Amino acid sequence: MSTKIGADSNRQPVDASIDDQNHFSARRELIVSFLWLFVPVSILLTAIFYLFSSQTQKYELQTAMIREESALNNASQLTSLIFVQKLSDLFVLAEGEVLRNYLHDESLKNWVSVTREFSLFARRKPKYMQIRYLNNQGMEIVRINNGTDEPEIVPRFELQNKQNRYYFKEAVQLDQGAIYISPLDLNVEKGVIEQPIKPTIRFATPVVDGYGETRGVLIINYDPNEILQRIEEIFTNLVGQGVMLNRDGYWLLGKPEAQLWGFMYGREETFHRQRPDVWSAVESMDRGSFYSGEGLFVFQKTYPLDLTRQGTLENIEYLNKPELHQLGKRYWIYLSHISQSKLEELTLKRLVVATVAYLLLFIVSGMISLFFARNAVQKKLAFRKLEQFAATDALTGLANRRELATAGKREFLRAQRFSRELSVLMLDLDHFKLINDTHTHTVGDKVLRHVVELVNNVIRGQDILVRYGGEEFLILLPETDAKGALFLASYICKRVADEAYEGKQSVVPVTVSIGVSTIGDGDRSYQDLVVKADLALYQAKRTGRNKVVVYDETMAHIKQPE
């Protein structure tokens, strides 16, 4: 019983969750629907972001490796292309008719013809610093110095013997059609490194007469600055720091000047000594990469001497002899080092972009989830409204007889299963037809709502008030015995009689008659309680109205009017 009518030990409050089961909260439903949509999407996005983050460094490492390998390969191809051109020039001079005539007739006239041809060639090839023909004893026969001005033909009395120089010793032993390429070093004059320094490469090939006899060596001193400049340009496009090494690990390019050309000055500092782990990988492969705690190293070897890429020679059959190619004797190494901090920087950039994209997707998915959640809740609300219209009386807002069937069955089974009390009150407004006829049906509707409000104010939350029909109402009272039901019915009857409806133009007194029934051993459904309450109500109305009658077995045979 509500505190408004006092405490009653016979009307125990039941668990409020019974009523909460039918309670619908739009906010709660919105939150639940939103979470059902958003949580799986957010988990999926988080998983994708996690996988992306864990793979980003590997991806950046692979991407950087591919980019560096491509750039270093371009540098290698560029070097090979330039050397193809230079080596072709070497053969043109060595196998030329003018030099061949001199070999058969070493007259002054033929010597002059050779010097003129070499001088003209030097004028058209400014990168050739010297063009020389040496005999089998290493004596210079023709020498053209190609300076900043016109090519200089060195007089015979100034020619030198070079039989002890390493490049002559190597070249004179080659077979016809073979080529010698010297290391990339600095030009030396009279035992001293020329200043300013002049990087130099010497191309040499045997000179053979018409009888197939070796008659000396043709040597071209080439200025490789054009290659070095082009390689430097390629290095500027690398992600890492690019360097050029010779086969012994000395720096030729990509380091401060004090660290370059160490082998020419007797220095022992090399890449080999600095990074033996990386150097081991470099020595074992022509191209590849090496990753360590200090970052990524990508390298590419370049073999400038590859006769398979040369033009047609007079003795073309020599091209089929691999030993003439000298591939293993001379190569350079192009290497790029991407530091660990640089790799982390590249990874961080991608992660920042990914994080921004993730947050945007997270927000968008949240908005989409909210949109669909709202639609779902609106559909549920609309459905519940339809259900409510089907189960609710439009005038009073109370449950109707359809809803009573569900609630009555539930409460009866509960009371029967757990041996609990259950009572029913059947209310009927006295002389309601007279109220309608006297005060109009509009006032009659307001009187009904007035009585409903009075009853709602005194029943408990778990009690179920139903409009049974017309001016009749039914109240299901869980956990209420006959004594408690009678007490509540009497209180309602008195309160309705004491509080007349006060309209704007009139005051309408109203009373109710109430029949009371309580669950008994012979009852098989809630309908039995309704029938008994209805009989008690009939008895109350027949015996004077504005009163409460509790059902007893003597009323079982009362016949109600049709």
Protein backbone atom coordinates (compact mmCIF):
# COMPACT_ATOMS: atom_id res chain seq x y z
CA MET A 1 0.00 0.00 0.00
CA SER A 2 1.23 3.47 -0.75
CA THR A 3 2.23 5.62 2.20
CA LYS A 4 -0.73 7.79 1.31
CA ILE A 5 -3.07 5.18 2.83
CA GLY A 6 -0.73 3.83 5.48
CA ALA A 7 1.40 0.75 5.81
CA ASP A 8 -0.17 -2.64 5.41
CA SER A 9 1.69 -5.82 6.25
CA ASN A 10 -0.68 -7.85 4.09
CA ARG A 11 0.30 -5.99 0.88
CA GLN A 12 4.01 -6.84 0.47
CA PRO A 13 5.88 -4.81 -2.18
CA VAL A 14 7.09 -7.08 -5.03
CA ASP A 15 10.32 -6.73 -6.96
CA ALA A 16 10.15 -3.54 -8.99
CA SER A 17 11.93 -5.28 -11.83
CA ILE A 18 8.59 -6.88 -12.77
CA ASP A 19 7.37 -3.51 -13.96
CA ASP A 20 10.77 -2.53 -15.31
CA GLN A 21 10.61 -5.44 -17.73
CA ASN A 22 7.99 -3.55 -19.69
CA HIS A 23 9.69 -0.19 -19.33
CA PHE A 24 11.15 1.32 -22.51
CA SER A 25 13.82 4.02 -22.38
CA ALA A 26 14.55 5.72 -25.69
CA ARG A 27 17.91 6.97 -24.40
CA ARG A 28 18.93 3.53 -23.21
CA GLU A 29 17.83 1.95 -26.48
CA LEU A 30 19.77 4.59 -28.42
CA ILE A 31 22.92 3.90 -26.42
CA VAL A 32 22.56 0.12 -26.79
CA SER A 33 21.84 0.33 -30.52
CA PHE A 34 24.73 2.73 -31.03
CA LEU A 35 27.14 0.46 -29.15
CA TRP A 36 25.97 -2.62 -31.06
CA LEU A 37 26.86 -0.86 -34.31
CA PHE A 38 29.84 1.22 -33.28
CA VAL A 39 31.80 -1.22 -31.10
CA PRO A 40 32.33 -3.87 -33.83
CA VAL A 41 33.24 -1.19 -36.37
CA SER A 42 35.65 0.49 -33.96
CA ILE A 43 37.21 -2.88 -33.10
CA LEU A 44 37.64 -3.61 -36.80
CA LEU A 45 39.16 -0.17 -37.43
CA THR A 46 41.48 -0.57 -34.43
CA ALA A 47 42.58 -3.99 -35.64
CA ILE A 48 43.27 -2.62 -39.11
CA PHE A 49 45.19 0.32 -37.63
CA TYR A 50 47.20 -2.03 -35.41
CA LEU A 51 48.08 -4.28 -38.34
CA PHE A 52 48.95 -1.26 -40.46
CA SER A 53 51.14 0.18 -37.68
CA SER A 54 52.93 -3.12 -37.12
CA GLN A 55 53.58 -3.48 -40.87
CA THR A 56 54.48 0.15 -41.54
CA GLN A 57 58.16 -0.13 -40.62
CA LYS A 58 58.52 -3.29 -42.68
CA TYR A 59 56.74 -1.58 -45.56
CA GLU A 60 58.89 1.55 -45.30
CA LEU A 61 62.01 -0.61 -45.12
CA GLN A 62 60.99 -2.49 -48.25
CA THR A 63 59.89 0.69 -50.06
CA ALA A 64 63.15 2.47 -49.22
CA MET A 65 65.10 -0.59 -50.33
CA ILE A 66 63.32 -0.71 -53.69
CA ARG A 67 63.77 3.04 -54.19
CA GLU A 68 67.49 2.92 -53.37
CA GLU A 69 68.09 -0.18 -55.46
CA SER A 70 66.44 1.52 -58.43
CA ALA A 71 68.57 4.66 -58.03
CA LEU A 72 71.80 2.71 -57.61
CA ASN A 73 70.94 0.55 -60.59
CA ASN A 74 70.47 3.72 -62.65
CA ALA A 75 73.90 4.87 -61.56
CA SER A 76 75.35 1.51 -62.57
CA GLN A 77 73.67 1.60 -65.99
CA LEU A 78 74.83 5.16 -66.53
CA THR A 79 78.41 4.16 -65.75
CA SER A 80 78.25 1.20 -68.10
CA LEU A 81 76.76 3.32 -70.89
CA ILE A 82 79.50 5.95 -70.64
CA PHE A 83 82.20 3.29 -70.56
CA VAL A 84 80.76 1.60 -73.62
CA GLN A 85 81.29 4.85 -75.51
CA LYS A 86 84.86 5.29 -74.25
CA LEU A 87 85.89 1.73 -74.95
CA SER A 88 84.48 2.00 -78.46
CA ASP A 89 86.73 5.01 -79.03
CA LEU A 90 89.68 2.99 -77.79
CA PHE A 91 89.08 0.32 -80.42
CA VAL A 92 88.57 2.89 -83.15
CA LEU A 93 92.06 4.27 -82.56
CA ALA A 94 93.78 0.93 -81.91
CA GLU A 95 92.39 -0.68 -85.05
CA GLY A 96 92.52 2.40 -87.28
CA GLU A 97 94.14 2.30 -90.69
CA VAL A 98 96.46 5.19 -89.90
CA LEU A 99 98.05 3.43 -86.93
CA ARG A 100 98.17 0.17 -88.88
CA ASN A 101 100.15 1.92 -91.67
CA TYR A 102 102.68 3.19 -89.13
CA LEU A 103 103.16 -0.33 -87.74
CA HIS A 104 104.16 -1.51 -91.22
CA ASP A 105 106.23 1.59 -92.04
CA GLU A 106 107.63 3.58 -89.09
CA SER A 107 108.52 6.56 -91.22
CA LEU A 108 108.27 10.17 -90.04
CA LYS A 109 105.46 10.75 -92.48
CA ASN A 110 103.38 7.96 -90.99
CA TRP A 111 104.26 9.10 -87.46
CA VAL A 112 102.96 12.58 -88.29
CA SER A 113 99.75 11.07 -89.66
CA VAL A 114 99.21 9.17 -86.41
CA THR A 115 99.84 12.27 -84.28
CA ARG A 116 97.42 14.31 -86.41
CA GLU A 117 94.70 11.67 -86.15
CA PHE A 118 95.19 11.37 -82.36
CA SER A 119 95.25 15.17 -82.00
CA LEU A 120 92.03 15.57 -84.00
CA PHE A 121 90.40 12.85 -81.92
CA ALA A 122 91.50 14.54 -78.68
CA ARG A 123 90.08 17.87 -79.89
CA ARG A 124 86.69 16.22 -80.35
CA LYS A 125 86.93 14.32 -77.06
CA PRO A 126 87.90 16.92 -74.45
CA LYS A 127 87.45 14.40 -71.58
CA TYR A 128 90.44 12.44 -72.87
CA MET A 129 93.40 14.00 -71.03
CA GLN A 130 96.01 11.90 -72.85
CA ILE A 131 96.13 9.61 -75.84
CA ARG A 132 99.31 7.51 -76.15
CA TYR A 133 100.76 4.72 -78.19
CA LEU A 134 103.57 2.74 -76.50
CA ASN A 135 105.67 0.03 -78.14
CA ASN A 136 106.35 -3.39 -76.63
CA GLN A 137 109.21 -1.97 -74.54
CA GLY A 138 106.95 0.63 -72.88
CA MET A 139 108.43 3.57 -74.82
CA GLU A 140 105.96 6.29 -75.75
CA ILE A 141 105.80 6.57 -79.54
CA VAL A 142 102.94 9.05 -79.77
CA ARG A 143 101.58 11.17 -76.93
CA ILE A 144 98.86 13.81 -77.08
CA ASN A 145 98.26 15.97 -74.01
CA ASN A 146 94.72 17.36 -74.06
CA GLY A 147 94.71 20.47 -71.86
CA THR A 148 92.35 23.39 -71.52
CA ASP A 149 93.52 24.80 -74.86
CA GLU A 150 94.38 22.98 -78.05
CA PRO A 151 95.66 19.36 -77.84
CA GLU A 152 99.47 19.28 -77.53
CA ILE A 153 101.57 16.87 -79.57
CA VAL A 154 104.55 15.96 -77.36
CA PRO A 155 107.88 16.07 -79.28
CA ARG A 156 109.77 12.82 -79.69
CA PHE A 157 112.65 13.90 -77.48
CA GLU A 158 110.22 14.48 -74.54
CA LEU A 159 108.57 11.10 -74.77
CA GLN A 160 109.10 8.80 -71.75
CA ASN A 161 109.51 5.13 -71.12
CA LYS A 162 106.58 3.71 -69.06
CA GLN A 163 107.60 0.07 -68.96
CA ASN A 164 107.53 0.05 -65.15
CA ARG A 165 104.08 1.58 -64.79
CA TYR A 166 101.41 -0.83 -63.60
CA TYR A 167 98.97 -0.06 -66.39
CA PHE A 168 101.52 -0.89 -69.10
CA LYS A 169 102.54 -4.14 -67.45
CA GLU A 170 98.91 -5.23 -67.24
CA ALA A 171 97.88 -4.14 -70.73
CA VAL A 172 100.86 -5.50 -72.71
CA GLN A 173 100.09 -9.03 -71.53
CA LEU A 174 96.53 -9.03 -72.87
CA ASP A 175 95.37 -10.83 -75.97
CA GLN A 176 94.07 -9.10 -79.03
CA GLY A 177 90.66 -7.48 -78.39
CA ALA A 178 91.08 -7.50 -74.60
CA ILE A 179 90.83 -4.32 -72.56
CA TYR A 180 92.53 -3.10 -69.44
CA ILE A 181 90.91 -0.49 -67.21
CA SER A 182 92.98 1.01 -64.47
CA PRO A 183 91.63 1.76 -61.01
CA LEU A 184 89.99 5.13 -60.60
CA ASP A 185 92.84 7.07 -59.02
CA LEU A 186 94.57 10.45 -59.14
CA ASN A 187 96.94 11.50 -61.89
CA VAL A 188 100.60 11.38 -60.92
CA GLU A 189 103.31 13.39 -62.64
CA LYS A 190 106.95 12.65 -61.90
CA GLY A 191 106.02 10.62 -58.83
CA VAL A 192 103.86 13.36 -57.28
CA ILE A 193 100.03 13.60 -57.13
CA GLU A 194 99.10 16.38 -59.50
CA GLN A 195 97.50 19.44 -57.88
CA PRO A 196 94.74 20.27 -58.07
CA ILE A 197 93.87 16.62 -58.04
CA LYS A 198 92.77 15.03 -61.29
CA PRO A 199 90.80 11.80 -61.02
CA THR A 200 91.92 9.55 -63.86
CA ILE A 201 90.98 6.27 -65.49
CA ARG A 202 93.26 4.64 -68.07
CA PHE A 203 91.84 2.50 -70.83
CA ALA A 204 94.37 0.30 -72.63
CA THR A 205 94.29 -2.41 -75.30
CA PRO A 206 97.02 -4.22 -77.27
CA VAL A 207 97.85 -2.86 -80.73
CA VAL A 208 98.15 -5.68 -83.30
CA ASP A 209 99.54 -5.43 -86.82
CA GLY A 210 98.14 -7.07 -89.92
CA TYR A 211 99.99 -10.32 -89.14
CA GLY A 212 98.44 -10.68 -85.72
CA GLU A 213 101.61 -9.66 -83.84
CA THR A 214 101.34 -7.43 -80.77
CA ARG A 215 103.25 -4.21 -81.46
CA GLY A 216 102.49 -2.26 -78.32
CA VAL A 217 99.65 -0.74 -76.30
CA LEU A 218 97.19 2.11 -76.93
CA ILE A 219 96.32 4.04 -73.74
CA ILE A 220 93.70 6.73 -73.18
CA ASN A 221 93.72 8.76 -69.95
CA TYR A 222 90.08 9.62 -69.26
CA ASP A 223 88.80 12.40 -66.99
CA PRO A 224 85.88 10.71 -65.08
CA ASN A 225 84.47 13.92 -63.59
CA GLU A 226 81.44 13.70 -65.86
CA ILE A 227 80.63 10.30 -64.36
CA LEU A 228 81.32 11.49 -60.82
CA GLN A 229 79.08 14.52 -61.28
CA ARG A 230 76.25 12.44 -62.70
CA ILE A 231 76.60 9.95 -59.86
CA GLU A 232 76.52 12.81 -57.33
CA GLU A 233 73.27 14.03 -58.88
CA ILE A 234 71.79 10.55 -58.49
CA PHE A 235 73.01 10.44 -54.88
CA THR A 236 71.13 13.66 -54.10
CA ASN A 237 67.87 11.85 -54.93
CA LEU A 238 68.58 8.99 -52.55
CA VAL A 239 66.72 8.69 -49.27
CA GLY A 240 69.96 7.74 -47.53
CA GLN A 241 73.57 8.91 -47.80
CA GLY A 242 75.18 7.64 -50.99
CA VAL A 243 78.86 6.79 -51.33
CA MET A 244 81.03 5.36 -54.10
CA LEU A 245 83.72 2.83 -53.09
CA ASN A 246 86.47 1.04 -54.94
CA ARG A 247 86.87 -2.71 -54.60
CA ASP A 248 89.12 -2.26 -51.55
CA GLY A 249 86.52 -0.18 -49.67
CA TYR A 250 88.15 3.26 -50.11
CA TRP A 251 85.79 6.19 -50.60
CA LEU A 252 85.79 7.79 -54.04
CA LEU A 253 82.64 9.90 -53.68
CA GLY A 254 80.08 10.91 -51.06
CA LYS A 255 82.42 11.79 -48.18
CA PRO A 256 84.30 14.94 -47.16
CA GLU A 257 87.36 15.52 -49.33
CA ALA A 258 89.75 14.60 -46.49
CA GLN A 259 88.34 11.04 -46.50
CA LEU A 260 88.47 10.50 -50.28
CA TRP A 261 91.26 8.81 -52.24
CA GLY A 262 92.78 7.37 -49.07
CA PHE A 263 94.73 4.72 -50.99
CA MET A 264 96.60 7.47 -52.85
CA TYR A 265 97.84 9.00 -49.60
CA GLY A 266 98.60 5.79 -47.72
CA ARG A 267 95.66 6.12 -45.31
CA GLU A 268 94.20 2.94 -43.82
CA GLU A 269 90.71 4.26 -43.05
CA THR A 270 88.19 2.35 -45.21
CA PHE A 271 84.55 1.39 -45.19
CA HIS A 272 85.80 -2.17 -44.91
CA ARG A 273 87.37 -1.38 -41.53
CA GLN A 274 84.42 0.72 -40.33
CA ARG A 275 81.67 -1.78 -41.16
CA PRO A 276 83.10 -5.27 -41.62
CA ASP A 277 79.61 -6.81 -41.21
CA VAL A 278 78.23 -4.83 -44.16
CA TRP A 279 81.39 -5.34 -46.17
CA SER A 280 81.03 -9.09 -45.81
CA ALA A 281 77.63 -8.88 -47.52
CA VAL A 282 79.01 -6.55 -50.21
CA GLU A 283 81.85 -8.92 -51.07
CA SER A 284 79.51 -11.91 -51.38
CA MET A 285 76.94 -10.38 -53.77
CA ASP A 286 76.81 -8.07 -56.77
CA ARG A 287 73.76 -6.30 -55.37
CA GLY A 288 71.76 -6.55 -52.19
CA SER A 289 70.99 -5.01 -48.83
CA PHE A 290 71.98 -5.32 -45.20
CA TYR A 291 69.89 -4.26 -42.20
CA SER A 292 71.25 -3.66 -38.74
CA GLY A 293 70.60 -1.52 -35.70
CA GLU A 294 72.25 1.39 -37.51
CA GLY A 295 69.80 1.28 -40.40
CA LEU A 296 69.58 -0.06 -43.93
CA PHE A 297 72.52 -0.46 -46.32
CA VAL A 298 71.74 -0.98 -50.02
CA PHE A 299 74.59 -1.64 -52.47
CA GLN A 300 75.20 -2.23 -56.17
CA LYS A 301 78.44 -3.26 -57.86
CA THR A 302 79.28 -1.78 -61.25
CA TYR A 303 81.54 -3.61 -63.68
CA PRO A 304 82.71 -1.06 -66.26
CA LEU A 305 84.57 -3.64 -68.36
CA ASP A 306 82.01 -5.83 -70.13
CA LEU A 307 82.91 -6.51 -73.75
CA THR A 308 79.54 -8.12 -74.38
CA ARG A 309 78.18 -4.59 -74.58
CA GLN A 310 80.81 -3.35 -77.08
CA GLY A 311 80.44 -2.82 -80.81
CA THR A 312 81.93 -5.00 -83.55
CA LEU A 313 85.67 -5.60 -83.34
CA GLU A 314 87.96 -6.58 -86.14
CA ASN A 315 88.51 -9.91 -84.44
CA ILE A 316 84.92 -10.50 -83.27
CA GLU A 317 85.58 -14.13 -82.32
CA TYR A 318 87.46 -12.91 -79.27
CA LEU A 319 84.19 -11.79 -77.73
CA ASN A 320 83.33 -15.42 -77.05
CA LYS A 321 86.27 -15.81 -74.68
CA PRO A 322 85.10 -14.98 -71.13
CA GLU A 323 88.65 -14.59 -69.90
CA LEU A 324 88.99 -11.50 -72.08
CA HIS A 325 86.18 -9.67 -70.33
CA GLN A 326 88.14 -9.28 -67.07
CA LEU A 327 84.81 -8.90 -65.22
CA GLY A 328 86.12 -9.78 -61.79
CA LYS A 329 89.14 -7.55 -61.83
CA ARG A 330 87.62 -4.10 -61.79
CA TYR A 331 84.41 -2.86 -60.21
CA TRP A 332 83.09 -0.04 -58.12
CA ILE A 333 80.47 -0.10 -55.42
CA TYR A 334 77.57 2.32 -55.10
CA LEU A 335 76.14 2.17 -51.58
CA SER A 336 73.34 4.00 -49.77
CA HIS A 337 72.97 4.09 -45.99
CA ILE A 338 69.55 4.99 -44.55
CA SER A 339 70.00 5.57 -40.84
CA GLN A 340 67.63 4.08 -38.29
CA SER A 341 66.46 7.57 -37.30
CA LYS A 342 65.63 8.29 -40.95
CA LEU A 343 63.64 5.07 -41.22
CA GLU A 344 61.77 5.99 -38.04
CA GLU A 345 61.09 9.44 -39.47
CA LEU A 346 59.64 7.91 -42.64
CA THR A 347 57.57 5.51 -40.54
CA LEU A 348 56.38 8.33 -38.30
CA LYS A 349 55.16 10.36 -41.27
CA ARG A 350 53.11 7.43 -42.52
CA LEU A 351 51.80 6.72 -39.02
CA VAL A 352 50.73 10.34 -38.59
CA VAL A 353 48.80 10.18 -41.85
CA ALA A 354 47.34 6.82 -40.83
CA THR A 355 46.39 8.14 -37.39
CA VAL A 356 44.60 11.14 -38.89
CA ALA A 357 42.80 8.84 -41.32
CA TYR A 358 41.93 6.47 -38.47
CA LEU A 359 40.49 9.28 -36.34
CA LEU A 360 38.46 10.58 -39.27
CA LEU A 361 37.14 7.09 -39.99
CA PHE A 362 36.47 6.63 -36.28
CA ILE A 363 34.44 9.85 -36.17
CA VAL A 364 32.63 9.08 -39.43
CA SER A 365 31.80 5.54 -38.30
CA GLY A 366 30.53 6.98 -35.02
CA MET A 367 28.28 9.41 -36.87
CA ILE A 368 27.02 6.69 -39.20
CA SER A 369 26.43 4.35 -36.26
CA LEU A 370 24.53 7.10 -34.45
CA PHE A 371 22.43 7.74 -37.55
CA PHE A 372 21.46 4.09 -37.92
CA ALA A 373 20.96 3.75 -34.14
CA ARG A 374 18.53 6.66 -34.19
CA ASN A 375 16.65 5.11 -37.09
CA ALA A 376 16.49 1.80 -35.23
CA VAL A 377 15.21 3.49 -32.06
CA GLN A 378 12.65 5.47 -34.00
CA LYS A 379 11.40 2.23 -35.55
CA LYS A 380 11.23 0.63 -32.11
CA LEU A 381 9.39 3.64 -30.74
CA ALA A 382 6.93 3.53 -33.60
CA PHE A 383 6.42 -0.19 -33.07
CA ARG A 384 5.94 0.26 -29.34
CA LYS A 385 3.47 3.02 -30.00
CA LEU A 386 1.53 0.67 -32.21
CA GLU A 387 1.68 -1.94 -29.49
CA GLN A 388 0.69 0.66 -26.95
CA PHE A 389 -2.26 1.76 -29.05
CA ALA A 390 -3.29 -1.88 -29.31
CA ALA A 391 -2.91 -2.48 -25.55
CA THR A 392 -3.83 0.96 -24.14
CA ASP A 393 -7.06 2.82 -23.70
CA ALA A 394 -6.85 6.05 -25.69
CA LEU A 395 -9.00 8.10 -23.29
CA THR A 396 -7.38 7.26 -19.95
CA GLY A 397 -3.98 5.95 -21.04
CA LEU A 398 -4.58 2.76 -19.04
CA ALA A 399 -4.00 -0.78 -20.22
CA ASN A 400 -7.00 -2.31 -21.93
CA ARG A 401 -8.48 -5.80 -21.76
CA ARG A 402 -5.95 -7.09 -24.30
CA GLU A 403 -3.08 -6.10 -22.03
CA LEU A 404 -5.00 -7.49 -19.04
CA ALA A 405 -4.93 -10.93 -20.64
CA THR A 406 -1.12 -10.89 -20.69
CA ALA A 407 -0.60 -9.31 -17.27
CA GLY A 408 -3.35 -11.35 -15.61
CA LYS A 409 -1.94 -14.65 -16.89
CA ARG A 410 1.59 -13.68 -15.78
CA GLU A 411 0.56 -12.65 -12.26
CA PHE A 412 -1.76 -15.62 -11.76
CA LEU A 413 0.95 -18.12 -12.77
CA ARG A 414 3.46 -16.34 -10.55
CA ALA A 415 1.14 -16.39 -7.55
CA GLN A 416 0.26 -20.03 -8.15
CA ARG A 417 3.89 -21.16 -8.68
CA PHE A 418 5.29 -19.43 -5.63
CA SER A 419 2.16 -19.74 -3.41
CA ARG A 420 1.77 -15.98 -3.28
CA GLU A 421 -1.34 -13.84 -2.78
CA LEU A 422 -3.21 -12.19 -5.66
CA SER A 423 -6.39 -10.09 -5.51
CA VAL A 424 -8.60 -8.32 -8.04
CA LEU A 425 -10.71 -5.17 -7.63
CA MET A 426 -13.52 -4.48 -10.08
CA LEU A 427 -14.68 -0.82 -10.02
CA ASP A 428 -17.74 0.71 -11.63
CA LEU A 429 -18.76 4.39 -11.57
CA ASP A 430 -22.26 4.76 -10.14
CA HIS A 431 -24.94 6.30 -12.37
CA PHE A 432 -22.36 7.28 -15.02
CA LYS A 433 -25.03 7.39 -17.74
CA LEU A 434 -26.81 10.10 -15.77
CA ILE A 435 -23.55 12.11 -15.63
CA ASN A 436 -23.23 11.92 -19.40
CA ASP A 437 -26.87 12.83 -19.97
CA THR A 438 -26.74 15.73 -17.48
CA HIS A 439 -23.27 17.19 -18.10
CA THR A 440 -22.49 15.96 -21.65
CA HIS A 441 -20.14 13.20 -22.69
CA THR A 442 -17.17 15.58 -22.66
CA VAL A 443 -17.61 16.14 -18.94
CA GLY A 444 -18.19 12.41 -18.54
CA ASP A 445 -14.78 11.71 -20.12
CA LYS A 446 -13.16 14.18 -17.72
CA VAL A 447 -14.86 12.49 -14.77
CA LEU A 448 -13.39 9.16 -15.92
CA ARG A 449 -9.90 10.64 -16.07
CA HIS A 450 -10.46 12.25 -12.66
CA VAL A 451 -11.30 8.90 -11.09
CA VAL A 452 -8.31 7.24 -12.83
CA GLU A 453 -5.99 9.88 -11.38
CA LEU A 454 -7.39 9.35 -7.88
CA VAL A 455 -6.93 5.58 -8.12
CA ASN A 456 -3.41 5.86 -9.60
CA ASN A 457 -2.42 8.03 -6.66
CA VAL A 458 -3.20 5.34 -4.11
CA ILE A 459 -2.10 2.08 -5.76
CA ARG A 460 1.45 0.76 -5.82
CA GLY A 461 3.78 0.79 -8.78
CA GLN A 462 3.40 -2.95 -9.33
CA ASP A 463 -0.40 -2.85 -9.16
CA ILE A 464 -2.04 -2.96 -12.59
CA LEU A 465 -4.97 -0.65 -13.32
CA VAL A 466 -6.98 -1.58 -16.45
CA ARG A 467 -9.96 0.01 -18.15
CA TYR A 468 -12.21 -3.01 -18.39
CA GLY A 469 -14.91 -1.35 -20.43
CA GLY A 470 -17.06 1.81 -20.42
CA GLU A 471 -16.98 3.09 -16.84
CA GLU A 472 -15.61 -0.18 -15.42
CA PHE A 473 -12.02 -0.57 -14.19
CA LEU A 474 -10.06 -3.54 -12.88
CA ILE A 475 -7.05 -3.57 -10.59
CA LEU A 476 -4.66 -6.54 -10.32
CA LEU A 477 -3.06 -6.58 -6.86
CA PRO A 478 0.00 -8.87 -6.66
CA GLU A 479 1.12 -9.90 -3.17
CA THR A 480 -2.21 -8.76 -1.69
CA ASP A 481 -4.56 -10.89 0.38
CA ALA A 482 -8.31 -10.36 0.95
CA LYS A 483 -7.74 -8.13 3.94
CA GLY A 484 -5.34 -5.87 2.10
CA ALA A 485 -7.56 -5.75 -0.97
CA LEU A 486 -10.60 -4.82 1.14
CA PHE A 487 -8.62 -2.08 2.86
CA LEU A 488 -7.49 -0.59 -0.48
CA ALA A 489 -10.97 -0.88 -2.02
CA SER A 490 -12.58 0.87 0.94
CA TYR A 491 -9.99 3.65 0.78
CA ILE A 492 -10.58 4.16 -2.96
CA CYS A 493 -14.35 4.14 -2.51
CA LYS A 494 -14.18 6.78 0.22
CA ARG A 495 -11.65 8.98 -1.56
CA VAL A 496 -13.62 9.04 -4.82
CA ALA A 497 -16.77 9.98 -2.93
CA ASP A 498 -14.94 12.71 -0.99
CA GLU A 499 -13.24 14.32 -4.01
CA ALA A 500 -15.87 15.33 -6.55
CA TYR A 501 -14.83 16.39 -10.03
CA GLU A 502 -14.59 20.20 -10.24
CA GLY A 503 -15.03 21.55 -13.73
CA LYS A 504 -14.95 25.16 -14.91
CA GLN A 505 -18.73 25.43 -14.88
CA SER A 506 -19.86 22.71 -12.51
CA VAL A 507 -18.96 20.32 -9.72
CA VAL A 508 -19.82 16.68 -10.43
CA PRO A 509 -20.00 14.33 -7.43
CA VAL A 510 -19.14 10.73 -8.25
CA THR A 511 -19.07 7.44 -6.39
CA VAL A 512 -17.87 3.95 -7.24
CA SER A 513 -18.92 0.44 -6.38
CA ILE A 514 -16.15 -2.12 -5.98
CA GLY A 515 -16.11 -5.90 -6.00
CA VAL A 516 -13.17 -7.74 -4.41
CA SER A 517 -11.88 -11.27 -5.04
CA THR A 518 -8.76 -13.15 -3.91
CA ILE A 519 -7.04 -16.22 -5.35
CA GLY A 520 -8.26 -19.48 -3.96
CA ASP A 521 -7.56 -23.19 -4.31
CA GLY A 522 -10.27 -23.72 -6.88
CA ASP A 523 -9.16 -20.97 -9.24
CA ARG A 524 -7.62 -22.14 -12.51
CA SER A 525 -6.85 -18.82 -14.17
CA TYR A 526 -7.01 -15.11 -13.56
CA GLN A 527 -10.38 -15.18 -15.34
CA ASP A 528 -11.84 -16.95 -12.31
CA LEU A 529 -10.76 -13.99 -10.15
CA VAL A 530 -12.28 -11.54 -12.63
CA VAL A 531 -15.60 -13.42 -12.64
CA LYS A 532 -15.69 -13.48 -8.84
CA ALA A 533 -14.87 -9.77 -8.59
CA ASP A 534 -17.55 -9.04 -11.16
CA LEU A 535 -20.12 -10.97 -9.10
CA ALA A 536 -19.08 -9.05 -5.99
CA LEU A 537 -19.40 -5.78 -7.93
CA TYR A 538 -22.87 -6.77 -9.06
CA GLN A 539 -23.78 -7.46 -5.48
CA ALA A 540 -22.44 -4.03 -4.41
CA LYS A 541 -24.45 -2.24 -7.06
CA ARG A 542 -27.59 -4.28 -6.29
CA THR A 543 -27.37 -3.51 -2.59
CA GLY A 544 -27.09 0.26 -2.78
CA ARG A 545 -23.86 1.30 -4.67
CA ASN A 546 -21.00 3.42 -3.29
CA LYS A 547 -19.77 0.44 -1.36
CA VAL A 548 -17.30 -2.47 -1.37
CA VAL A 549 -18.31 -6.11 -1.45
CA VAL A 550 -15.90 -9.04 -1.04
CA TYR A 551 -16.75 -12.20 -2.93
CA ASP A 552 -17.88 -15.27 -1.01
CA GLU A 553 -19.19 -18.62 -2.09
CA THR A 554 -22.84 -17.56 -1.59
CA MET A 555 -22.52 -15.31 -4.65
CA ALA A 556 -21.64 -18.16 -6.94
CA HIS A 557 -25.24 -18.70 -7.91
CA ILE A 558 -26.20 -15.07 -8.38
CA LYS A 559 -27.47 -14.54 -11.89
CA GLN A 560 -26.54 -11.17 -13.38
CA PRO A 561 -28.97 -9.44 -15.71
CA GLU A 562 -28.27 -9.72 -19.44
